[in-house]
Protein backbone atom coordinates (compact mmCIF):
# COMPACT_ATOMS: atom_id res chain seq x y z
CA GLU A 1 0.00 0.00 0.00
CA ALA A 2 2.78 2.44 0.85
CA GLN A 3 4.53 1.68 -2.42
CA ALA A 4 1.31 2.34 -4.36
CA THR A 5 0.77 5.59 -2.47
CA LEU A 6 4.03 7.01 -3.81
CA GLY A 7 2.41 7.48 -7.22
CA MET A 8 -0.56 9.35 -5.78
CA VAL A 9 0.79 11.81 -3.23
CA VAL A 10 1.72 15.42 -3.80
CA PRO A 11 5.49 16.00 -3.83
CA LEU A 12 5.51 17.57 -0.36
CA GLU A 13 4.10 14.36 1.14
CA ARG A 14 6.41 11.98 -0.76
CA PRO A 15 9.24 12.06 1.83
CA GLY A 16 6.85 11.06 4.62
CA VAL A 17 5.54 8.11 2.60
CA LEU A 18 9.12 7.09 1.77
CA GLY A 19 10.02 7.29 5.47
CA THR A 20 7.10 5.05 6.31
CA LEU A 21 8.13 2.65 3.56
CA ALA A 22 11.69 2.64 4.92
CA MET A 23 10.49 1.68 8.40
CA LEU A 24 8.23 -1.03 6.97
CA ARG A 25 11.10 -2.47 4.93
CA LEU A 26 13.31 -2.37 8.00
CA ALA A 27 10.70 -4.31 9.98
CA GLN A 28 10.58 -6.85 7.15
CA GLY A 29 14.36 -7.29 7.31
CA ARG A 30 14.80 -5.73 3.88
CA THR A 31 17.59 -3.41 5.01
CA ALA A 32 18.93 -2.44 1.60
CA ASP A 33 15.43 -1.44 0.43
CA ALA A 34 14.85 0.38 3.72
CA LEU A 35 18.05 2.37 3.36
CA ALA A 36 17.28 3.27 -0.26
CA ALA A 37 13.82 4.57 0.70
CA ALA A 38 15.19 6.49 3.70
CA GLU A 39 17.97 8.10 1.67
CA GLU A 40 15.47 9.11 -1.02
CA ALA A 41 13.15 10.53 1.63
CA VAL A 42 15.85 12.69 3.23
CA ALA A 43 17.14 13.83 -0.17
CA ALA A 44 13.64 14.87 -1.24
CA CYS A 45 12.97 16.61 2.06
CA THR A 46 16.27 18.48 1.79
CA ALA A 47 15.72 19.45 -1.85
CA MET A 48 12.28 20.89 -1.07
CA GLY A 49 13.40 22.57 2.15
CA GLY A 50 10.97 20.47 4.18
CA CYS A 51 8.20 17.97 3.87
CA GLY A 52 4.53 17.77 4.65
CA ILE A 53 2.68 17.38 7.91
CA PHE A 54 5.75 17.81 10.08
CA ARG A 55 7.34 14.60 8.81
CA GLY A 56 10.93 15.88 8.68
CA ALA A 57 11.91 14.45 12.07
CA PHE A 58 10.35 11.09 11.21
CA VAL A 59 12.13 10.97 7.84
CA ARG A 60 15.48 11.72 9.45
CA LEU A 61 14.87 9.15 12.18
CA ALA A 62 14.02 6.51 9.56
CA ARG A 63 17.37 7.22 7.91
CA VAL A 64 19.19 7.00 11.24
CA GLU A 65 17.55 3.68 12.10
CA THR A 66 18.28 2.16 8.68
CA LEU A 67 21.89 3.35 8.65
CA HIS A 68 22.47 1.82 12.06
CA THR A 69 20.81 -1.46 11.10
CA THR A 70 22.93 -1.77 7.96
CA GLY A 71 26.09 -1.37 10.04
CA ALA A 72 26.91 2.19 8.96
CA VAL A 73 27.42 3.19 12.58
CA ASP A 74 29.51 6.31 11.96
CA ALA A 75 27.00 7.59 9.41
CA ALA A 76 24.16 6.82 11.83
CA ARG A 77 25.91 8.78 14.58
CA ALA A 78 26.45 11.75 12.28
CA ALA A 79 22.82 11.57 11.16
CA ILE A 80 21.49 11.42 14.73
CA ALA A 81 23.64 14.40 15.70
CA ASP A 82 22.20 16.35 12.76
CA ALA A 83 18.64 15.27 13.56
CA ARG A 84 19.08 16.30 17.20
CA ALA A 85 20.53 19.68 16.20
CA ARG A 86 17.55 20.34 13.92
CA LEU A 87 15.10 19.52 16.71
CA CYS A 88 16.98 21.75 19.15
CA ALA A 89 16.89 24.63 16.65
CA ILE A 90 13.13 24.24 16.27
CA ALA A 91 12.62 23.91 20.03
CA ASP A 92 14.62 27.08 20.63
CA ARG A 93 11.99 28.98 18.62
CA ILE A 94 9.11 27.77 20.84
CA PRO A 95 8.77 30.43 23.54
CA ASP A 96 6.21 28.62 25.70
CA LEU A 97 8.10 26.13 27.87
CA ALA A 98 5.18 23.70 28.14
CA TYR A 99 4.79 23.60 24.35
CA ARG A 100 8.54 23.20 23.94
CA ARG A 101 8.59 20.28 26.35
CA SER A 102 5.60 18.74 24.59
CA PHE A 103 7.40 19.08 21.25
CA LEU A 104 10.55 17.44 22.58
CA GLU A 105 8.99 14.71 24.72
CA GLY A 106 5.47 14.17 23.43
CA VAL A 107 6.25 13.63 19.77
CA PRO A 108 7.43 10.01 19.49
CA GLU A 109 10.02 10.56 16.76
CA ASN A 110 11.48 13.54 18.61
CA ALA A 111 11.74 11.63 21.89
CA ARG A 112 13.33 8.68 20.07
CA THR A 113 15.82 10.99 18.36
CA PHE A 114 16.98 12.34 21.73
CA ALA A 115 17.13 8.86 23.25
CA LEU A 116 19.30 7.56 20.41
CA ALA A 117 21.51 10.64 20.54
CA ARG A 118 22.10 10.09 24.25
CA ALA A 119 22.79 6.38 23.75
CA TRP A 120 25.08 6.72 20.74
CA LEU A 121 26.78 10.03 21.41
CA GLY A 122 26.81 9.97 25.19
CA GLU A 123 25.84 13.62 25.29
CA VAL A 124 23.00 15.56 26.77
CA VAL A 125 22.10 18.85 25.16
CA PRO A 126 21.83 21.62 27.78
CA GLY A 127 18.22 22.66 28.20
CA ALA A 128 16.91 19.84 26.03
CA ALA A 129 14.47 17.27 27.26
CA THR A 130 15.74 13.88 28.24
CA PRO A 131 12.79 11.56 27.82
CA GLU A 132 13.32 7.94 28.74
CA VAL A 133 12.74 6.06 25.50
CA PRO A 134 14.12 2.55 24.89
CA VAL A 135 16.88 2.49 22.26
CA ALA A 136 16.89 -1.21 21.42
């Protein structure tokens, strides 16, 4: 279904569908296909300057997860550092502290991004949330 959807969505939504496809392929054990979809998703998101319905964090997380699974650990670490930096930059523009915390901790892909960054980089970003999310 996700594969069929690629031919029907508007360009702005394509990266989100590709990210979903990447995570599905990863769950199926099809790591090469997962990585290809994730790389295409991030490339499209980057080329357009964003992607629809706030899917940028999910797309980047899908790439991080697929890179790590394929054994590209250094690339995964670089990607998680970039993803975390992007989230921190967005969070810094949210003046209401409750909304900022909700953005960092209440959005599953954001919380997972911070959990992986802590696990893989051993760093905590000052002022950032530190939700407890399993990394395995």
